[in-house]
Protein backbone atom coordinates (compact mmCIF):
# COMPACT_ATOMS: atom_id res chain seq x y z
CA MET A 1 175.05 101.59 67.60
CA ALA A 2 172.52 102.37 70.27
CA GLU A 3 174.50 100.61 72.99
CA LEU A 4 177.63 102.67 72.33
CA GLN A 5 178.60 105.54 74.62
CA VAL A 6 180.86 108.47 73.74
CA ARG A 7 183.12 109.80 76.53
CA TRP A 8 185.73 112.58 76.37
CA HIS A 9 188.96 111.95 78.31
CA GLN A 10 191.51 114.51 79.49
CA SER A 11 194.27 112.02 80.07
CA MET A 12 195.63 108.78 78.62
CA ALA A 13 195.42 107.52 82.22
CA ASP A 14 191.72 107.10 81.66
CA PHE A 15 192.59 104.06 79.44
CA SER A 16 194.52 100.99 80.31
CA GLU A 17 197.59 100.25 78.20
CA ALA A 18 196.21 96.93 77.20
CA GLU A 19 192.86 98.16 76.01
CA TRP A 20 194.35 101.10 74.02
CA ASP A 21 197.11 99.03 72.33
CA ARG A 22 194.60 96.35 71.48
CA LEU A 23 192.94 98.91 69.22
CA LEU A 24 196.20 100.15 67.79
CA GLY A 25 197.42 96.71 66.91
CA ASP A 26 194.10 95.35 65.65
CA GLY A 27 194.35 92.86 68.49
CA GLU A 28 198.02 91.92 67.78
CA ASP A 29 201.25 92.73 69.55
CA VAL A 30 202.40 96.34 69.10
CA GLY A 31 206.07 95.92 70.03
CA PRO A 32 209.09 96.71 67.74
CA GLY A 33 208.46 93.46 65.79
CA SER A 34 205.04 94.65 64.71
CA CYS A 35 203.94 97.16 62.07
CA ALA A 36 201.96 99.29 64.57
CA LEU A 37 203.03 102.92 64.73
CA PRO A 38 205.02 103.44 68.00
CA PHE A 39 203.99 107.09 68.15
CA PHE A 40 200.35 106.11 68.90
CA ARG A 41 201.17 103.50 71.51
CA TRP A 42 199.66 104.15 74.97
CA ARG A 43 203.07 104.42 76.53
CA TRP A 44 204.25 107.05 74.08
CA LEU A 45 201.11 109.27 74.39
CA HIS A 46 200.90 108.77 78.13
CA ARG A 47 204.53 109.74 78.73
CA LEU A 48 204.11 112.85 76.60
CA GLU A 49 201.43 113.87 79.16
CA THR A 50 203.08 112.78 82.35
CA SER A 51 206.44 114.18 81.43
CA GLY A 52 205.01 117.72 81.16
CA SER A 53 205.72 117.85 77.41
CA ILE A 54 202.13 117.83 76.34
CA VAL A 55 200.10 119.65 78.97
CA PRO A 56 197.78 122.72 79.21
CA ARG A 57 200.59 125.07 80.27
CA GLN A 58 202.36 124.18 77.06
CA GLY A 59 199.25 124.80 74.99
CA TRP A 60 198.12 121.18 74.71
CA GLN A 61 195.05 119.80 76.41
CA SER A 62 194.39 116.16 75.89
CA CYS A 63 190.86 115.66 74.75
CA HIS A 64 190.71 112.03 73.64
CA LEU A 65 187.43 110.52 72.52
CA GLY A 66 186.55 106.95 73.62
CA LEU A 67 183.68 104.95 72.23
CA TRP A 68 182.60 102.39 74.83
CA ARG A 69 180.24 99.45 74.79
CA GLY A 70 179.64 99.05 78.51
CA ALA A 71 183.09 98.67 80.07
CA THR A 72 184.79 97.73 76.75
CA LEU A 73 186.65 100.30 74.64
CA VAL A 74 185.66 99.72 71.00
CA ALA A 75 187.13 102.80 69.33
CA ALA A 76 189.23 105.81 70.19
CA ALA A 77 190.45 109.05 68.72
CA PRO A 78 193.61 110.70 70.10
CA LEU A 79 192.74 114.42 70.10
CA TYR A 80 194.10 117.60 71.63
CA LEU A 81 192.76 121.14 72.18
CA LYS A 82 195.58 123.48 71.21
CA GLY A 83 196.20 127.11 71.92
CA HIS A 84 198.83 127.54 69.17
CA SER A 85 200.08 125.85 65.97
CA TYR A 86 203.53 124.78 67.24
CA GLY A 87 204.72 121.20 67.13
CA GLU A 88 202.46 120.26 64.24
CA PHE A 89 204.51 120.78 61.09
CA VAL A 90 201.38 121.60 59.12
CA PHE A 91 201.64 125.33 58.94
CA ASP A 92 198.17 126.92 59.24
CA GLN A 93 199.14 130.40 60.46
CA SER A 94 197.54 131.93 57.41
CA PHE A 95 194.28 130.38 58.48
CA ALA A 96 194.70 132.00 61.89
CA GLN A 97 195.33 135.32 60.18
CA LEU A 98 192.18 134.93 58.06
CA ALA A 99 190.11 134.16 61.14
CA GLY A 100 191.40 137.36 62.78
CA GLN A 101 190.43 139.41 59.73
CA LEU A 102 186.90 137.99 59.96
CA GLY A 103 186.63 138.66 63.64
CA LEU A 104 186.74 134.97 64.53
CA ARG A 105 188.69 133.27 67.31
CA TYR A 106 191.04 130.72 65.76
CA TYR A 107 192.30 129.13 68.97
CA PRO A 108 191.73 126.78 70.66
CA LYS A 109 191.46 124.39 67.83
CA LEU A 110 191.00 120.54 67.93
CA VAL A 111 193.90 118.56 66.51
CA GLY A 112 194.28 114.83 65.86
CA MET A 113 197.90 113.71 65.66
CA SER A 114 200.75 112.22 67.63
CA PRO A 115 202.08 115.43 69.20
CA LEU A 116 205.39 116.78 67.95
CA SER A 117 205.73 113.95 65.38
CA PRO A 118 205.07 114.62 61.69
CA VAL A 119 204.44 110.98 61.04
CA GLN A 120 201.95 109.65 58.53
CA GLY A 121 199.36 107.30 59.92
CA TYR A 122 196.88 109.22 62.06
CA ARG A 123 193.51 107.45 62.18
CA PHE A 124 190.84 106.57 64.65
CA LEU A 125 191.50 103.25 66.42
CA PHE A 126 189.10 100.35 66.37
CA ALA A 127 188.74 97.08 68.20
CA PRO A 128 188.94 93.92 66.02
CA GLY A 129 185.66 93.01 64.50
CA GLU A 130 184.25 96.53 64.54
CA ASP A 131 183.15 98.43 61.36
CA PRO A 132 185.82 101.26 60.84
CA ALA A 133 183.76 103.06 58.23
CA ALA A 134 180.57 103.28 60.34
CA LEU A 135 182.40 104.12 63.53
CA THR A 136 184.42 106.84 61.81
CA VAL A 137 181.23 108.51 60.66
CA LEU A 138 179.77 108.26 64.16
CA ILE A 139 182.86 109.68 65.75
CA LEU A 140 183.09 112.57 63.32
CA GLU A 141 179.51 113.53 64.09
CA HIS A 142 180.32 113.67 67.81
CA VAL A 143 183.54 115.64 67.08
CA GLY A 144 181.49 118.19 65.07
CA ALA A 145 178.88 118.47 67.79
CA PHE A 146 181.60 118.99 70.44
CA CYS A 147 183.16 121.74 68.41
CA ARG A 148 179.92 123.52 67.73
CA GLN A 149 178.85 123.21 71.33
CA ASN A 150 182.12 124.68 72.61
CA GLN A 151 182.53 127.29 69.79
CA ILE A 152 185.71 125.72 68.52
CA LEU A 153 186.33 126.95 64.98
CA SER A 154 188.13 123.91 63.56
CA CYS A 155 189.12 120.25 63.87
CA ASN A 156 192.21 119.09 62.04
CA PHE A 157 193.57 115.59 61.55
CA LEU A 158 197.24 115.78 60.47
CA TYR A 159 199.40 113.32 58.53
CA VAL A 160 196.45 110.94 58.10
CA ASP A 161 196.60 107.30 57.16
CA PRO A 162 195.56 107.31 53.47
CA ALA A 163 193.06 104.40 53.74
CA TRP A 164 191.33 105.94 56.79
CA GLY A 165 191.57 109.38 55.35
CA ALA A 166 189.45 108.34 52.38
CA ILE A 167 186.67 107.46 54.78
CA ALA A 168 186.83 110.78 56.58
CA GLN A 169 187.09 112.68 53.30
CA ALA A 170 183.96 110.94 52.02
CA ALA A 171 182.25 112.19 55.16
CA GLY A 172 182.92 115.75 54.18
CA TRP A 173 186.35 116.58 55.58
CA ALA A 174 188.54 118.77 53.36
CA PRO A 175 192.01 117.54 52.33
CA TRP A 176 195.08 119.79 52.34
CA ILE A 177 198.17 118.37 50.68
CA ASN A 178 201.69 119.11 51.86
CA GLN A 179 204.90 117.24 51.13
CA GLN A 180 207.56 115.25 53.01
CA GLY A 181 210.58 113.28 52.03
CA LEU A 182 210.77 109.47 52.22
CA TRP A 183 213.39 106.96 51.26
CA THR A 184 212.01 103.57 50.28
CA ASN A 185 214.23 100.60 49.70
CA PRO A 186 213.53 99.07 46.24
CA GLY A 187 215.46 95.98 47.15
CA HIS A 188 219.04 97.08 48.01
CA THR A 189 220.83 94.61 50.24
CA THR A 190 223.96 96.70 50.81
CA PHE A 191 224.81 100.42 51.12
CA ASP A 192 226.65 100.12 47.85
CA GLY A 193 223.36 99.28 46.19
CA TYR A 194 221.95 102.54 47.62
CA LEU A 195 225.01 104.42 46.26
CA ALA A 196 224.58 102.87 42.79
CA SER A 197 221.11 104.49 42.45
CA PHE A 198 222.68 107.91 42.21
CA ASN A 199 224.36 109.58 39.25
CA ALA A 200 228.17 109.66 39.22
CA ASN A 201 228.40 113.22 40.65
CA GLN A 202 226.24 112.50 43.63
CA ARG A 203 227.96 109.20 44.33
CA ARG A 204 231.21 111.08 44.59
CA ASN A 205 229.60 113.72 46.90
CA ILE A 206 228.26 111.02 49.27
CA LYS A 207 231.63 109.19 49.35
CA ARG A 208 233.40 112.48 50.01
CA GLU A 209 231.02 113.31 52.89
CA ARG A 210 231.51 109.93 54.52
CA LYS A 211 235.30 110.16 54.08
CA ALA A 212 235.26 113.59 55.85
CA VAL A 213 233.68 112.04 58.91
CA ALA A 214 236.15 109.08 58.92
CA ALA A 215 239.02 111.63 58.52
CA ALA A 216 237.89 113.29 61.71
CA GLY A 217 238.54 109.98 63.50
CA LEU A 218 234.84 109.19 63.90
CA GLU A 219 232.80 106.06 63.39
CA VAL A 220 229.06 105.74 63.86
CA SER A 221 227.57 102.81 65.76
CA PRO A 222 223.90 101.93 66.15
CA LEU A 223 222.60 101.26 69.65
CA VAL A 224 219.34 99.38 69.47
CA GLY A 225 216.34 98.70 71.70
CA GLU A 226 216.90 97.16 75.07
CA ALA A 227 220.69 97.18 74.48
CA ILE A 228 220.68 100.98 74.74
CA PRO A 229 222.13 102.05 78.08
CA GLY A 230 219.77 104.26 79.96
CA ALA A 231 222.45 106.92 80.30
CA MET A 232 222.70 107.16 76.59
CA VAL A 233 219.09 108.27 76.25
CA ASP A 234 219.79 110.80 78.90
CA ARG A 235 222.77 111.98 76.91
CA MET A 236 220.59 112.20 73.87
CA HIS A 237 218.45 114.70 75.70
CA ASP A 238 221.56 116.86 76.12
CA PHE A 239 222.25 116.73 72.43
CA TYR A 240 218.55 117.51 71.68
CA ALA A 241 218.50 120.50 74.09
CA GLN A 242 221.79 121.82 72.78
CA HIS A 243 220.67 121.62 69.19
CA CYS A 244 217.38 123.42 69.90
CA SER A 245 219.22 126.22 71.81
CA ARG A 246 221.17 127.00 68.70
CA TRP A 247 217.95 128.17 67.04
CA GLY A 248 216.93 130.50 69.85
CA GLN A 249 213.20 131.15 69.95
CA TRP A 250 212.86 128.94 66.91
CA GLY A 251 214.43 126.00 68.56
CA SER A 252 211.30 123.93 69.00
CA LYS A 253 212.39 122.43 72.29
CA TYR A 254 209.20 120.73 73.19
CA LEU A 255 210.20 117.54 74.96
CA THR A 256 211.17 117.67 78.62
CA HIS A 257 214.05 115.86 80.27
CA ASP A 258 211.46 113.71 82.02
CA PHE A 259 210.21 112.34 78.60
CA PHE A 260 213.75 111.19 77.78
CA LEU A 261 214.05 109.54 81.24
CA ALA A 262 210.75 107.76 80.60
CA ALA A 263 211.94 106.78 77.12
CA SER A 264 215.11 105.20 78.63
CA GLN A 265 212.90 102.98 80.83
CA GLU A 266 209.71 102.32 78.85
CA LEU A 267 210.14 103.19 75.17
CA ARG A 268 213.63 101.78 74.35
CA SER A 269 212.26 98.81 72.42
CA ASN A 270 211.32 101.16 69.52
CA LEU A 271 214.44 103.35 69.66
CA VAL A 272 217.73 103.28 67.82
CA LEU A 273 220.58 105.68 68.62
CA PHE A 274 223.37 106.38 66.10
CA SER A 275 226.46 107.37 68.09
CA ALA A 276 229.37 109.14 66.44
CA HIS A 277 232.43 108.42 68.58
CA ARG A 278 236.20 107.93 68.68
CA GLY A 279 236.43 104.36 69.93
CA ASP A 280 233.69 104.16 72.60
CA SER A 281 230.09 104.29 71.41
CA ASN A 282 229.06 105.28 75.00
CA GLU A 283 231.12 108.51 74.63
CA PRO A 284 229.56 110.16 71.60
CA VAL A 285 230.55 113.51 70.18
CA ALA A 286 227.28 113.53 68.15
CA MET A 287 224.19 111.38 68.14
CA SER A 288 220.86 110.99 66.48
CA LEU A 289 217.68 109.37 67.78
CA CYS A 290 215.45 107.37 65.48
CA VAL A 291 212.23 105.39 66.06
CA HIS A 292 211.39 102.18 64.34
CA ASN A 293 208.91 99.26 63.98
CA ALA A 294 209.25 96.12 61.97
CA ASN A 295 209.45 97.81 58.56
CA GLN A 296 209.73 101.62 59.06
CA LEU A 297 212.28 104.02 60.43
CA TRP A 298 211.78 107.60 61.47
CA GLY A 299 214.45 110.20 62.14
CA ARG A 300 213.58 112.43 65.03
CA TYR A 301 216.39 114.35 66.86
CA TRP A 302 220.07 114.93 66.70
CA GLY A 303 222.86 117.06 68.22
CA SER A 304 226.63 117.42 68.15
CA ASP A 305 229.39 118.73 70.41
CA GLU A 306 231.74 119.43 67.44
CA GLU A 307 231.34 121.16 64.11
CA ILE A 308 232.60 118.54 61.63
CA ASP A 309 232.04 118.59 57.89
CA SER A 310 229.16 116.31 56.83
CA LEU A 311 228.72 114.81 60.27
CA HIS A 312 224.99 115.60 60.18
CA PHE A 313 224.52 113.75 56.94
CA GLU A 314 226.39 110.70 58.29
CA VAL A 315 224.60 110.49 61.63
CA CYS A 316 221.12 111.41 60.40
CA TYR A 317 221.00 109.86 56.93
CA TYR A 318 223.71 107.53 55.81
CA ALA A 319 224.17 105.45 58.98
CA PRO A 320 220.40 105.06 59.46
CA ILE A 321 219.97 104.04 55.81
CA ALA A 322 222.78 101.46 56.12
CA TRP A 323 221.20 100.14 59.31
CA ALA A 324 217.74 100.06 57.75
CA ILE A 325 219.05 98.06 54.71
CA GLY A 326 220.72 95.50 57.07
CA ARG A 327 217.52 95.08 59.13
CA GLY A 328 215.22 94.71 56.09
CA ILE A 329 213.39 97.92 56.91
CA THR A 330 211.61 99.19 53.84
CA SER A 331 211.22 102.94 54.43
CA PHE A 332 212.92 105.80 56.22
CA ASP A 333 211.21 109.04 56.96
CA PRO A 334 213.92 111.57 58.08
CA GLY A 335 211.51 114.14 59.41
CA ALA A 336 210.01 117.45 58.25
CA GLY A 337 211.82 120.07 56.25
CA GLY A 338 215.27 120.31 54.67
CA ALA A 339 215.83 120.55 50.90
CA HIS A 340 219.32 118.87 51.50
CA LYS A 341 217.40 115.65 52.14
CA ARG A 342 216.55 115.43 48.42
CA ARG A 343 220.24 115.10 47.52
CA ARG A 344 220.40 112.02 49.73
CA GLY A 345 217.58 110.19 47.90
CA PHE A 346 214.58 111.24 49.92
CA VAL A 347 211.66 111.53 47.45
CA ALA A 348 208.98 114.12 48.02
CA GLU A 349 205.69 112.51 48.68
CA ALA A 350 202.18 113.95 49.31
CA ARG A 351 201.09 114.11 52.97
CA THR A 352 197.43 114.80 53.62
CA SER A 353 195.74 116.59 56.51
CA LEU A 354 191.95 116.69 56.82
CA HIS A 355 190.03 119.71 58.09
CA CYS A 356 186.55 120.90 59.03
CA TRP A 357 185.61 124.42 60.02
CA PHE A 358 182.46 125.13 61.89
CA GLU A 359 181.70 128.76 60.78
CA PRO A 360 180.10 128.79 57.32
CA GLN A 361 181.93 131.76 55.78
CA PHE A 362 185.33 130.62 56.99
CA ASP A 363 184.64 127.06 55.84
CA ALA A 364 183.47 128.27 52.37
CA ILE A 365 186.57 130.45 51.84
CA LEU A 366 189.00 127.69 52.61
CA ARG A 367 187.18 125.04 50.67
CA ARG A 368 187.30 127.28 47.59
CA TRP A 369 191.07 127.84 48.06
CA LEU A 370 192.16 124.26 48.83
CA PRO A 371 191.61 122.54 45.40
CA GLU A 372 193.96 124.94 43.59
CA ALA A 373 196.42 124.87 46.49
CA ASN A 374 196.53 121.10 46.28
CA VAL A 375 197.07 121.21 42.56
CA GLN A 376 200.00 123.59 42.93
CA MET A 377 201.47 121.29 45.63
CA GLY A 378 201.17 118.37 43.30
CA LEU A 379 203.02 120.21 40.58
CA GLU A 380 205.71 121.23 43.17
CA ILE A 381 206.11 117.63 44.21
CA GLU A 382 206.53 116.47 40.64
CA ALA A 383 209.09 119.26 39.93
CA VAL A 384 211.14 118.40 42.97
CA ASN A 385 211.25 114.76 42.15
CA ALA A 386 212.21 115.50 38.48
CA GLU A 387 215.44 117.04 39.83
CA LEU A 388 216.53 114.14 42.06
CA PRO A 389 220.14 113.07 41.40
CA PHE A 390 219.43 109.45 40.45
CA THR A 391 220.90 107.63 37.53
CA ALA A 392 218.89 107.76 34.24
CA SER A 393 218.20 104.04 34.66
CA TYR A 394 216.94 104.18 38.18
CA ASP A 395 213.25 104.81 38.56
CA PRO A 396 212.38 104.82 42.27
CA PRO A 397 209.36 102.72 42.76
CA HIS A 398 208.11 105.02 45.47
CA VAL A 399 208.00 108.25 43.44
CA PRO A 400 204.33 109.22 43.68
CA GLY A 401 202.22 109.86 40.64
CA SER A 402 200.11 112.95 40.27
CA ILE A 403 197.92 113.65 43.29
CA PHE A 404 195.23 115.29 41.29
CA PRO A 405 193.11 114.20 38.30
CA GLU A 406 194.42 115.15 34.85
CA SER A 407 191.39 117.27 34.26
CA GLN A 408 192.38 119.51 37.14
CA ARG A 409 195.88 120.29 35.83
CA PRO A 410 196.52 123.89 34.98
CA PRO A 411 197.19 124.33 31.24
CA ALA A 412 200.80 124.24 30.14
CA ALA A 413 202.50 127.61 29.73
CA GLY A 414 202.59 128.95 26.16
């Protein structure tokens, strides 16, 4: 390890696209035909910065760690110094309140994630042939030293890759469990197969919802990859901005118009738009934007010019599921929040973030609280999944088991 150098970088421009994506893809191609996560591609992270979406004036300062052997990048950690907790979808505002009560400064904090995207898979990136476990420990040591030197209270890795997370947890980072919905295809080859997994009442509901959209004269067409007209990505920004504006100060309008312009030119290969229209897919009345790789689909944004019964469900859930089945995609993450997702077959699954706090009292308080909080979240996940409207004979293979040991379960009531 002696020949390795740690450098901190305030911009993705400090790395070349080729050297960064080599780490992400373990030396393989990272395009839409690969299993690499598009949210961690150099182009994605770089365009978040250059578009003005993820910049200091918005409360995000890029603070990426690069591990170099001479002029060769051998490992990297995408990291950000943040002056708030927006755009994370792991809600730590109670931690900030506790810090205030103890007279501690909670912000800035160091965060590892793909900004604005609650997507499981965060990890450090390694060149082929390197030792991920050893380099993870080394990088964590430097992250801790950086935080202590700069009086940063916490470092937080969000939506971590489970295999990598086990390494970081073994190095002393504390897990915090939250939940998110996921649809996993157990082998359906048609949308009718998806429908057949539900009980009779929910099958009727889904059919009724789809008929309501058709009765409004609408059909939904997927526009995929390089076949997406650039103007349609620009139109998607209009829908995105319109939808955010409906929520006022809670609208979460983080992405700039420039990011969508960049996406129309550089990121299309991983995009699919679902256009709801009356005859011409290039004249949508509603649209959703999803991101995909070879076997995963993620729902991100949507908007509509008209209020039509069940249109949101069709554009954001049913049409993407039908497309995913046809493409052989195995899982669909519709995004954070929304109890209504459960009625459409999205199973609650555990999502882990990892944390370390660099003030002993604060660290001790939260580490005492987290085990019980995680047990309660496990019980909540199990309760949610027990109410899913599937047929009695359908046992989704992706329903997670208990996320805590049997010995840690609270005793049954009574």
